[in-house]
């Protein structure tokens, strides 16, 4: 499948990480999602019912990020990917990338992140 819906740069302040300092404060995350969806019907009809409402996926991702502490970015990415696939059978696959903007490391690094990919 070559059709995609892309969500870029969802910014959330969430509790994530294994270090004590990460458990005591929220930190900025950026969430990106690429949904594999057949857009043929929506392209022909111009009707929202014929596609995936990206606002629903954005709300799901934000709610999961804010719902509880995650030790690992991998765990949060997996929850978002599985939750998104459960939203609508027309989503054939999803890539969820989560970036920790200010990782607690001693080196000068811009960010760290993970990408979780799931397909039906």
N, C-alpha and C. Protein backbone atom coordinates (compact mmCIF):
# COMPACT_ATOMS: atom_id res chain seq x y z
N UNK A 1 0.86 -1.18 0.00
CA UNK A 1 0.00 0.00 0.00
C UNK A 1 0.90 1.24 0.00
N UNK A 2 0.50 2.22 -0.76
CA UNK A 2 1.31 3.43 -0.85
C UNK A 2 0.64 4.66 -0.27
N UNK A 3 -0.64 4.57 0.09
CA UNK A 3 -1.34 5.72 0.63
C UNK A 3 -1.06 5.85 2.12
N UNK A 4 -0.87 7.09 2.56
CA UNK A 4 -0.60 7.31 3.99
C UNK A 4 -1.28 8.58 4.48
N UNK A 5 -1.55 8.60 5.76
CA UNK A 5 -1.95 9.80 6.49
C UNK A 5 -0.84 10.04 7.49
N UNK A 6 -0.30 11.25 7.52
CA UNK A 6 0.85 11.57 8.36
C UNK A 6 0.46 12.59 9.42
N UNK A 7 0.82 12.27 10.65
CA UNK A 7 0.66 13.19 11.78
C UNK A 7 2.07 13.53 12.25
N UNK A 8 2.43 14.80 12.19
CA UNK A 8 3.80 15.21 12.52
C UNK A 8 3.83 16.21 13.65
N UNK A 9 4.69 15.94 14.62
CA UNK A 9 5.00 16.94 15.63
C UNK A 9 3.97 17.15 16.72
N UNK A 10 3.25 16.09 17.12
CA UNK A 10 2.37 16.22 18.28
C UNK A 10 3.25 16.37 19.51
N UNK A 11 3.15 17.51 20.17
CA UNK A 11 3.98 17.78 21.35
C UNK A 11 3.17 17.55 22.61
N UNK A 12 3.73 16.73 23.50
CA UNK A 12 3.10 16.47 24.79
C UNK A 12 4.16 16.54 25.89
N UNK A 13 3.72 16.92 27.06
CA UNK A 13 4.57 16.88 28.25
C UNK A 13 4.12 15.67 29.05
N UNK A 14 4.99 14.66 29.13
CA UNK A 14 4.59 13.38 29.71
C UNK A 14 5.64 12.85 30.67
N UNK A 15 5.21 11.91 31.48
CA UNK A 15 6.09 11.24 32.43
C UNK A 15 6.59 9.96 31.78
N UNK A 16 7.89 9.94 31.44
CA UNK A 16 8.47 8.77 30.79
C UNK A 16 9.94 8.68 31.16
N UNK A 17 10.42 7.47 31.42
CA UNK A 17 11.83 7.26 31.72
C UNK A 17 12.04 6.38 32.94
N UNK A 18 13.23 5.82 33.04
CA UNK A 18 13.55 4.91 34.14
C UNK A 18 14.33 5.57 35.27
N UNK A 19 14.92 6.72 35.02
CA UNK A 19 15.70 7.39 36.06
C UNK A 19 14.78 8.08 37.07
N UNK A 20 15.26 8.21 38.30
CA UNK A 20 14.47 8.88 39.34
C UNK A 20 14.06 10.28 38.91
N UNK A 21 14.98 11.04 38.31
CA UNK A 21 14.66 12.40 37.90
C UNK A 21 13.56 12.42 36.85
N UNK A 22 13.48 11.38 36.01
CA UNK A 22 12.43 11.31 34.99
C UNK A 22 11.08 10.94 35.59
N UNK A 23 11.12 10.24 36.70
CA UNK A 23 9.87 9.86 37.38
C UNK A 23 9.29 11.03 38.17
N UNK A 24 10.12 12.03 38.44
CA UNK A 24 9.70 13.15 39.28
C UNK A 24 9.25 14.37 38.47
N UNK A 25 9.47 14.35 37.16
CA UNK A 25 9.08 15.51 36.37
C UNK A 25 8.61 15.05 35.00
N UNK A 26 7.72 15.83 34.43
CA UNK A 26 7.31 15.54 33.06
C UNK A 26 8.34 16.14 32.11
N UNK A 27 8.37 15.62 30.91
CA UNK A 27 9.35 16.10 29.93
C UNK A 27 8.72 16.13 28.54
N UNK A 28 9.28 16.94 27.65
CA UNK A 28 8.68 17.07 26.32
C UNK A 28 8.96 15.87 25.43
N UNK A 29 7.90 15.43 24.77
CA UNK A 29 7.98 14.37 23.77
C UNK A 29 7.35 14.89 22.47
N UNK A 30 7.84 14.38 21.37
CA UNK A 30 7.22 14.66 20.08
C UNK A 30 6.80 13.32 19.49
N UNK A 31 5.54 13.25 19.08
CA UNK A 31 4.98 12.01 18.55
C UNK A 31 4.62 12.23 17.08
N UNK A 32 5.10 11.33 16.24
CA UNK A 32 4.77 11.33 14.81
C UNK A 32 4.16 9.98 14.45
N UNK A 33 3.14 9.98 13.62
CA UNK A 33 2.50 8.75 13.19
C UNK A 33 2.30 8.77 11.68
N UNK A 34 2.55 7.64 11.06
CA UNK A 34 2.25 7.47 9.64
C UNK A 34 1.32 6.25 9.54
N UNK A 35 0.09 6.51 9.09
CA UNK A 35 -0.92 5.47 8.96
C UNK A 35 -1.01 5.02 7.52
N UNK A 36 -0.98 3.71 7.31
CA UNK A 36 -1.18 3.16 5.97
C UNK A 36 -2.69 2.93 5.79
N UNK A 37 -3.26 3.66 4.85
CA UNK A 37 -4.70 3.63 4.63
C UNK A 37 -4.95 3.73 3.12
N UNK A 38 -5.90 2.96 2.63
CA UNK A 38 -6.30 3.10 1.23
C UNK A 38 -7.15 4.35 1.10
N UNK A 39 -6.67 5.34 0.39
CA UNK A 39 -7.35 6.62 0.26
C UNK A 39 -8.17 6.74 -1.03
N UNK A 40 -8.35 5.64 -1.72
CA UNK A 40 -9.07 5.67 -2.99
C UNK A 40 -10.49 6.21 -2.84
N UNK A 41 -11.24 5.66 -1.90
CA UNK A 41 -12.65 6.07 -1.73
C UNK A 41 -12.74 7.54 -1.31
N UNK A 42 -11.89 7.96 -0.37
CA UNK A 42 -11.92 9.35 0.09
C UNK A 42 -11.52 10.31 -1.01
N UNK A 43 -10.58 9.91 -1.83
CA UNK A 43 -10.16 10.75 -2.94
C UNK A 43 -11.29 10.96 -3.94
N UNK A 44 -12.11 9.95 -4.13
CA UNK A 44 -13.21 10.05 -5.09
C UNK A 44 -14.43 10.77 -4.50
N UNK A 45 -14.69 10.54 -3.21
CA UNK A 45 -15.92 11.06 -2.61
C UNK A 45 -15.79 12.41 -1.92
N UNK A 46 -14.58 12.73 -1.46
CA UNK A 46 -14.35 13.95 -0.67
C UNK A 46 -15.16 13.92 0.63
N UNK A 47 -15.37 12.70 1.17
CA UNK A 47 -16.19 12.52 2.38
C UNK A 47 -15.32 11.99 3.52
N UNK A 48 -15.45 12.60 4.68
CA UNK A 48 -14.68 12.19 5.86
C UNK A 48 -14.96 10.73 6.24
N UNK A 49 -16.18 10.27 6.01
CA UNK A 49 -16.52 8.89 6.34
C UNK A 49 -15.72 7.87 5.54
N UNK A 50 -15.12 8.29 4.44
CA UNK A 50 -14.36 7.38 3.59
C UNK A 50 -12.87 7.37 3.90
N UNK A 51 -12.48 8.01 5.00
CA UNK A 51 -11.07 8.02 5.38
C UNK A 51 -10.97 7.87 6.89
N UNK A 52 -9.78 7.97 7.41
CA UNK A 52 -9.54 7.93 8.85
C UNK A 52 -9.47 9.37 9.35
N UNK A 53 -10.23 9.66 10.37
CA UNK A 53 -10.19 11.00 10.97
C UNK A 53 -8.92 11.09 11.82
N UNK A 54 -7.94 11.83 11.33
CA UNK A 54 -6.66 11.91 12.04
C UNK A 54 -6.80 12.53 13.43
N UNK A 55 -7.84 13.34 13.64
CA UNK A 55 -8.05 13.93 14.97
C UNK A 55 -8.27 12.85 16.03
N UNK A 56 -8.88 11.74 15.64
CA UNK A 56 -9.12 10.63 16.57
C UNK A 56 -7.80 9.98 16.97
N UNK A 57 -6.90 9.82 16.01
CA UNK A 57 -5.59 9.22 16.30
C UNK A 57 -4.77 10.16 17.17
N UNK A 58 -4.83 11.46 16.89
CA UNK A 58 -4.10 12.44 17.69
C UNK A 58 -4.59 12.41 19.14
N UNK A 59 -5.89 12.38 19.32
CA UNK A 59 -6.46 12.35 20.67
C UNK A 59 -6.05 11.08 21.40
N UNK A 60 -6.07 9.95 20.71
CA UNK A 60 -5.65 8.68 21.31
C UNK A 60 -4.19 8.76 21.76
N UNK A 61 -3.32 9.23 20.88
CA UNK A 61 -1.88 9.31 21.21
C UNK A 61 -1.65 10.22 22.41
N UNK A 62 -2.29 11.37 22.42
CA UNK A 62 -2.13 12.29 23.54
C UNK A 62 -2.65 11.68 24.84
N UNK A 63 -3.82 11.09 24.79
CA UNK A 63 -4.40 10.49 25.99
C UNK A 63 -3.53 9.37 26.55
N UNK A 64 -2.97 8.54 25.68
CA UNK A 64 -2.11 7.46 26.15
C UNK A 64 -0.81 8.00 26.75
N UNK A 65 -0.25 9.04 26.15
CA UNK A 65 0.98 9.64 26.68
C UNK A 65 0.76 10.24 28.06
N UNK A 66 -0.43 10.80 28.28
CA UNK A 66 -0.71 11.49 29.53
C UNK A 66 -1.35 10.59 30.59
N UNK A 67 -1.77 9.40 30.21
CA UNK A 67 -2.57 8.55 31.10
C UNK A 67 -1.81 8.00 32.29
N UNK A 68 -0.53 7.68 32.11
CA UNK A 68 0.27 7.12 33.20
C UNK A 68 1.75 7.17 32.82
N UNK A 69 2.60 6.91 33.80
CA UNK A 69 4.05 6.90 33.57
C UNK A 69 4.42 5.69 32.72
N UNK A 70 5.29 5.90 31.77
CA UNK A 70 5.87 4.82 30.97
C UNK A 70 7.37 4.81 31.24
N UNK A 71 7.91 3.66 31.58
CA UNK A 71 9.35 3.56 31.75
C UNK A 71 10.07 3.77 30.41
N UNK A 72 9.51 3.19 29.36
CA UNK A 72 10.19 3.19 28.06
C UNK A 72 9.37 3.88 26.98
N UNK A 73 10.04 4.58 26.11
CA UNK A 73 9.39 5.12 24.92
C UNK A 73 8.80 3.99 24.08
N UNK A 74 9.49 2.85 24.07
CA UNK A 74 9.03 1.70 23.31
C UNK A 74 7.63 1.26 23.74
N UNK A 75 7.39 1.27 25.04
CA UNK A 75 6.09 0.87 25.57
C UNK A 75 4.99 1.84 25.14
N UNK A 76 5.26 3.12 25.23
CA UNK A 76 4.29 4.12 24.82
C UNK A 76 4.02 4.02 23.32
N UNK A 77 5.06 3.86 22.53
CA UNK A 77 4.89 3.74 21.07
C UNK A 77 4.05 2.51 20.73
N UNK A 78 4.28 1.42 21.43
CA UNK A 78 3.51 0.20 21.20
C UNK A 78 2.04 0.41 21.54
N UNK A 79 1.76 1.07 22.66
CA UNK A 79 0.38 1.35 23.05
C UNK A 79 -0.33 2.21 21.99
N UNK A 80 0.36 3.22 21.51
CA UNK A 80 -0.24 4.09 20.49
C UNK A 80 -0.48 3.32 19.20
N UNK A 81 0.47 2.50 18.79
CA UNK A 81 0.33 1.73 17.55
C UNK A 81 -0.83 0.75 17.66
N UNK A 82 -0.87 -0.01 18.74
CA UNK A 82 -1.95 -1.00 18.92
C UNK A 82 -3.31 -0.32 19.07
N UNK A 83 -3.35 0.78 19.81
CA UNK A 83 -4.60 1.50 19.98
C UNK A 83 -5.11 2.07 18.67
N UNK A 84 -4.21 2.56 17.85
CA UNK A 84 -4.61 3.13 16.55
C UNK A 84 -5.16 2.05 15.63
N UNK A 85 -4.50 0.89 15.59
CA UNK A 85 -5.00 -0.20 14.76
C UNK A 85 -6.38 -0.66 15.22
N UNK A 86 -6.63 -0.58 16.53
CA UNK A 86 -7.93 -0.99 17.06
C UNK A 86 -9.04 0.02 16.73
N UNK A 87 -8.67 1.24 16.40
CA UNK A 87 -9.67 2.27 16.09
C UNK A 87 -10.46 1.96 14.83
N UNK A 88 -9.80 1.42 13.83
CA UNK A 88 -10.45 1.28 12.52
C UNK A 88 -9.74 0.19 11.72
N UNK A 89 -10.51 -0.77 11.23
CA UNK A 89 -9.93 -1.87 10.45
C UNK A 89 -9.33 -1.42 9.13
N UNK A 90 -9.65 -0.19 8.69
CA UNK A 90 -9.10 0.31 7.44
C UNK A 90 -7.64 0.74 7.58
N UNK A 91 -7.14 0.86 8.81
CA UNK A 91 -5.73 1.17 9.02
C UNK A 91 -4.96 -0.13 8.84
N UNK A 92 -4.21 -0.22 7.75
CA UNK A 92 -3.48 -1.45 7.43
C UNK A 92 -2.18 -1.57 8.21
N UNK A 93 -1.62 -0.43 8.59
CA UNK A 93 -0.37 -0.43 9.33
C UNK A 93 -0.10 0.96 9.87
N UNK A 94 0.85 1.02 10.79
CA UNK A 94 1.19 2.31 11.40
C UNK A 94 2.64 2.30 11.85
N UNK A 95 3.28 3.44 11.68
CA UNK A 95 4.61 3.69 12.24
C UNK A 95 4.43 4.81 13.26
N UNK A 96 4.85 4.56 14.49
CA UNK A 96 4.77 5.56 15.55
C UNK A 96 6.20 5.89 15.98
N UNK A 97 6.59 7.14 15.81
CA UNK A 97 7.92 7.60 16.24
C UNK A 97 7.73 8.54 17.42
N UNK A 98 8.50 8.29 18.48
CA UNK A 98 8.45 9.16 19.65
C UNK A 98 9.86 9.65 19.93
N UNK A 99 9.97 10.96 20.07
CA UNK A 99 11.26 11.60 20.32
C UNK A 99 11.25 12.24 21.70
N UNK A 100 12.27 11.92 22.49
CA UNK A 100 12.50 12.57 23.78
C UNK A 100 13.42 13.75 23.50
N UNK A 101 12.90 14.96 23.67
CA UNK A 101 13.61 16.16 23.24
C UNK A 101 14.83 16.46 24.10
N UNK A 102 14.72 16.26 25.39
CA UNK A 102 15.84 16.56 26.29
C UNK A 102 16.20 15.32 27.11
N UNK A 103 16.87 14.36 26.49
CA UNK A 103 17.20 13.13 27.22
C UNK A 103 18.21 13.40 28.34
N UNK A 104 18.08 12.70 29.45
CA UNK A 104 18.97 12.93 30.59
C UNK A 104 20.30 12.18 30.44
N UNK A 105 21.12 12.67 29.53
CA UNK A 105 22.46 12.10 29.33
C UNK A 105 23.49 13.20 29.46
N UNK A 106 24.71 12.84 29.74
CA UNK A 106 25.76 13.83 29.94
C UNK A 106 26.31 14.43 28.66
N UNK A 107 26.07 13.78 27.54
CA UNK A 107 26.59 14.26 26.26
C UNK A 107 25.64 15.30 25.64
N UNK A 108 26.19 16.06 24.70
CA UNK A 108 25.41 17.06 24.00
C UNK A 108 24.69 16.38 22.84
N UNK A 109 23.47 15.93 23.11
CA UNK A 109 22.69 15.25 22.09
C UNK A 109 21.35 15.97 21.95
N UNK A 110 20.92 16.17 20.73
CA UNK A 110 19.67 16.90 20.47
C UNK A 110 18.45 16.15 21.00
N UNK A 111 18.37 14.86 20.69
CA UNK A 111 17.21 14.08 21.09
C UNK A 111 17.51 12.60 20.91
N UNK A 112 16.63 11.77 21.48
CA UNK A 112 16.66 10.33 21.24
C UNK A 112 15.23 9.90 20.94
N UNK A 113 15.10 8.78 20.25
CA UNK A 113 13.75 8.35 19.95
C UNK A 113 13.67 6.92 19.50
N UNK A 114 12.43 6.46 19.37
CA UNK A 114 12.15 5.12 18.90
C UNK A 114 11.06 5.19 17.84
N UNK A 115 11.01 4.16 17.01
CA UNK A 115 9.91 4.00 16.07
C UNK A 115 9.38 2.59 16.19
N UNK A 116 8.06 2.48 16.37
CA UNK A 116 7.39 1.17 16.44
C UNK A 116 6.52 1.04 15.21
N UNK A 117 6.70 -0.04 14.49
CA UNK A 117 5.93 -0.29 13.25
C UNK A 117 5.09 -1.54 13.43
N UNK A 118 3.80 -1.43 13.16
CA UNK A 118 2.90 -2.58 13.23
C UNK A 118 2.09 -2.65 11.95
N UNK A 119 1.85 -3.86 11.47
CA UNK A 119 1.03 -4.11 10.29
C UNK A 119 0.01 -5.18 10.64
N UNK A 120 -1.09 -5.14 9.98
CA UNK A 120 -2.13 -6.19 10.16
C UNK A 120 -1.67 -7.47 9.48
